[in-house]
Every structure is written in structure tokens, then in C-alpha cells.
Amino acid sequence: MAQVYQPPRQSRAGQIVDAAIILILVFLALFIPLKLELAGAAKVDWLPGNFTVEEAADGSTVLTSDSGLVKRVDAEGNVTFENLTWEALHQNATMQAQWAKLGIDMEGAAAAITKRYDYSFSWIGLILTLAAIGGYFAFLVMQSDKEYRQVIAEKFGNRA
């Protein structure tokens, strides 16, 4: 009769160290992208309708829409609007009422409306991600095969 496989025993201290290392790695995997500001999509300046972007002599960025709305972002990041109306923001009466229910005035709504997420796509990033996932999968399959063969060799002997 074949002997029952007994996996190697790990000490309680080893289990605690392993759990601590996993917790630290999970924490770092979640924290590092936040610290490097890689989490979430970037926000870009935008105006409703067709608009142009110009750099002013004082270093500020000026966005001008075809409806006359002007958004200035100075070098310190301060934002000011000219010719600001609900119509220039392409907001109808229902939308205006919803902004009012939220307690947000026209300036606050303009700040939210004119900052859009940039959902640009990178083929290189996708390919690198797929390569990393594929490499990890190949590593897992090779390691599992190696350990499986060790278990079979321990239980039934080497049959090479």
C-alpha cells in the first residue's frame, strides 16, 4: 500500500511571517499607485462645444468656447470664468434644478463640468499588462507542474 503524502509542516512563526509579508505586499500594491498619483484617470480642461486652448503671456492657460465662455487657469492652478451662463455650460432648466438641489452654484457647477476625465488608451500599456499576466500564468503552471511531479515522485517513486 502506498504511503499517504504528508506535506512539509510550517511553524506558527513561519505562518505569521508569511501572513505579515502578504499584508505588507497588498498594502504596498494599493498604496504605491496612490502615492505616485497613478490611480484613476487624469483630469483635463474642457469646455462645452468647440473650444480653443491658448497659452497667455503670464503663463496662464485660456480656453475659449464657441459660445463665448472663457476659462482661465493661472500658473498656480486658480480658475476663473468669463461670460459664465448656464446656457454656455449647455445646462437646461432641469439640470440647473439638480445643481441647485445639490447646493452647487453656477461657479461650482462650471468647475465640475469643465474638468473631464481623460480616458486615453495605450496599446503599449495593454500589451505590457497582458505580457505580465501571461508571464505570471506561465510561472504558476511551471511551478505547479514541478511540485506535482515532486509529489508523484514521493508517493510512487521516480519512474523516469
Protein backbone atom coordinates (compact mmCIF):
# COMPACT_ATOMS: atom_id res chain seq x y z
CA MET A 1 0.00 0.00 0.00
CA ALA A 2 1.25 3.48 -0.91
CA GLN A 3 2.23 5.87 1.81
CA VAL A 4 -0.08 8.88 2.35
CA TYR A 5 1.53 12.13 1.30
CA GLN A 6 2.36 14.41 4.22
CA PRO A 7 3.17 17.97 3.16
CA PRO A 8 6.01 19.70 4.99
CA ARG A 9 4.88 21.41 8.21
CA GLN A 10 5.36 25.13 8.65
CA SER A 11 5.92 26.57 12.10
CA ARG A 12 3.49 29.06 13.60
CA ALA A 13 6.18 31.76 13.42
CA GLY A 14 6.66 31.00 9.72
CA GLN A 15 2.91 31.33 9.13
CA ILE A 16 2.85 34.69 10.94
CA VAL A 17 5.82 35.95 8.93
CA ASP A 18 4.19 34.79 5.67
CA ALA A 19 0.90 36.49 6.58
CA ALA A 20 2.71 39.71 7.52
CA ILE A 21 4.65 39.72 4.25
CA ILE A 22 1.44 39.20 2.25
CA LEU A 23 -0.29 42.03 4.14
CA ILE A 24 2.64 44.37 3.53
CA LEU A 25 2.73 43.49 -0.19
CA VAL A 26 -1.04 44.07 -0.54
CA PHE A 27 -0.74 47.39 1.29
CA LEU A 28 2.14 48.48 -0.96
CA ALA A 29 0.32 47.34 -4.11
CA LEU A 30 -2.61 49.57 -3.15
CA PHE A 31 -0.64 52.49 -1.69
CA ILE A 32 2.18 53.00 -4.21
CA PRO A 33 -0.11 53.90 -7.15
CA LEU A 34 -1.86 56.45 -4.93
CA LYS A 35 1.44 57.95 -3.76
CA LEU A 36 2.76 58.15 -7.33
CA GLU A 37 -0.58 59.63 -8.47
CA LEU A 38 -1.14 56.76 -10.90
CA ALA A 39 -4.58 55.83 -9.56
CA GLY A 40 -7.61 56.95 -11.53
CA ALA A 41 -7.77 58.81 -14.77
CA ALA A 42 -6.21 62.22 -15.22
CA LYS A 43 -8.48 65.22 -15.48
CA VAL A 44 -8.13 67.65 -18.36
CA ASP A 45 -9.58 71.09 -19.01
CA TRP A 46 -12.60 71.08 -21.28
CA LEU A 47 -15.41 73.40 -22.37
CA PRO A 48 -18.80 72.51 -23.88
CA GLY A 49 -18.96 72.85 -27.66
CA ASN A 50 -15.95 73.67 -29.80
CA PHE A 51 -13.13 75.39 -27.96
CA THR A 52 -9.58 76.60 -28.43
CA VAL A 53 -6.68 76.47 -25.99
CA GLU A 54 -4.06 79.23 -25.82
CA GLU A 55 -1.14 79.98 -23.56
CA ALA A 56 -1.17 83.58 -22.30
CA ALA A 57 1.97 85.68 -21.77
CA ASP A 58 1.58 85.45 -17.97
CA GLY A 59 1.79 81.63 -18.10
CA SER A 60 -1.92 81.01 -17.74
CA THR A 61 -3.95 78.72 -19.98
CA VAL A 62 -7.00 80.23 -21.66
CA LEU A 63 -9.80 78.06 -23.04
CA THR A 64 -12.38 79.83 -25.21
CA SER A 65 -15.57 78.14 -26.39
CA ASP A 66 -17.62 78.99 -29.46
CA SER A 67 -20.43 80.16 -27.12
CA GLY A 68 -18.18 82.87 -25.63
CA LEU A 69 -17.35 81.06 -22.38
CA VAL A 70 -13.75 81.69 -21.30
CA LYS A 71 -11.90 79.65 -18.70
CA ARG A 72 -8.55 80.89 -17.37
CA VAL A 73 -6.22 78.67 -15.37
CA ASP A 74 -3.29 80.63 -13.96
CA ALA A 75 0.15 79.21 -13.14
CA GLU A 76 -0.92 78.41 -9.55
CA GLY A 77 -3.98 76.47 -10.75
CA ASN A 78 -6.58 79.11 -9.88
CA VAL A 79 -9.56 79.01 -12.24
CA THR A 80 -11.69 81.98 -13.32
CA PHE A 81 -14.56 82.13 -15.81
CA GLU A 82 -15.78 84.91 -18.08
CA ASN A 83 -19.22 85.09 -19.73
CA LEU A 84 -20.39 82.26 -17.47
CA THR A 85 -24.03 81.31 -18.05
CA TRP A 86 -25.99 78.09 -17.75
CA GLU A 87 -26.51 78.17 -21.49
CA ALA A 88 -22.76 78.46 -22.12
CA LEU A 89 -22.32 75.36 -19.93
CA HIS A 90 -25.03 73.59 -22.02
CA GLN A 91 -27.21 73.09 -18.94
CA ASN A 92 -31.00 73.12 -19.34
CA ALA A 93 -33.56 74.06 -16.65
CA THR A 94 -33.79 70.50 -15.32
CA MET A 95 -30.03 70.27 -14.98
CA GLN A 96 -29.90 73.66 -13.26
CA ALA A 97 -32.52 72.47 -10.77
CA GLN A 98 -30.44 69.38 -9.98
CA TRP A 99 -27.35 71.50 -9.36
CA ALA A 100 -29.46 73.70 -7.04
CA LYS A 101 -30.72 70.62 -5.15
CA LEU A 102 -27.10 69.65 -4.58
CA GLY A 103 -26.40 73.15 -3.25
CA ILE A 104 -23.93 73.92 -6.02
CA ASP A 105 -23.95 77.36 -7.63
CA MET A 106 -23.03 78.16 -11.25
CA GLU A 107 -19.31 78.63 -10.43
CA GLY A 108 -19.16 75.26 -8.66
CA ALA A 109 -21.05 73.57 -11.48
CA ALA A 110 -18.70 75.14 -14.03
CA ALA A 111 -15.69 73.84 -12.13
CA ALA A 112 -17.14 70.31 -12.21
CA ILE A 113 -18.43 70.44 -15.80
CA THR A 114 -15.22 71.82 -17.31
CA LYS A 115 -12.93 69.18 -15.77
CA ARG A 116 -13.23 65.92 -17.70
CA TYR A 117 -11.52 62.59 -17.16
CA ASP A 118 -9.00 61.68 -19.82
CA TYR A 119 -9.69 58.09 -20.83
CA SER A 120 -6.90 57.84 -23.36
CA PHE A 121 -5.83 54.33 -24.28
CA SER A 122 -2.33 52.94 -24.62
CA TRP A 123 -1.69 49.85 -26.73
CA ILE A 124 1.80 49.53 -25.24
CA GLY A 125 0.33 49.57 -21.73
CA LEU A 126 -2.20 46.91 -22.69
CA ILE A 127 0.47 44.70 -24.28
CA LEU A 128 2.76 45.06 -21.25
CA THR A 129 -0.11 44.21 -18.90
CA LEU A 130 -1.03 41.14 -20.95
CA ALA A 131 2.64 40.09 -21.05
CA ALA A 132 2.93 40.41 -17.27
CA ILE A 133 -0.26 38.39 -16.71
CA GLY A 134 0.85 35.77 -19.26
CA GLY A 135 4.30 35.55 -17.67
CA TYR A 136 2.80 35.12 -14.22
CA PHE A 137 0.42 32.44 -15.54
CA ALA A 138 3.33 30.57 -17.19
CA PHE A 139 5.31 30.80 -13.94
CA LEU A 140 2.37 29.36 -11.98
CA VAL A 141 1.90 26.49 -14.44
CA MET A 142 5.62 25.61 -14.40
CA GLN A 143 5.82 25.76 -10.59
CA SER A 144 2.64 23.70 -10.21
CA ASP A 145 3.97 21.11 -12.66
CA LYS A 146 7.26 20.93 -10.76
CA GLU A 147 5.52 20.50 -7.38
CA TYR A 148 3.05 17.97 -8.84
CA ARG A 149 5.94 15.88 -10.17
CA GLN A 150 7.65 16.04 -6.76
CA VAL A 151 4.51 14.80 -5.01
CA ILE A 152 4.09 11.95 -7.53
CA ALA A 153 7.79 11.03 -7.13
CA GLU A 154 7.44 10.98 -3.31
CA LYS A 155 4.31 8.86 -3.42
CA PHE A 156 5.08 6.40 -6.25
CA GLY A 157 8.84 6.72 -6.68
CA ASN A 158 10.78 8.02 -9.66
CA ARG A 159 9.57 6.43 -12.91
CA ALA A 160 11.78 8.22 -15.36
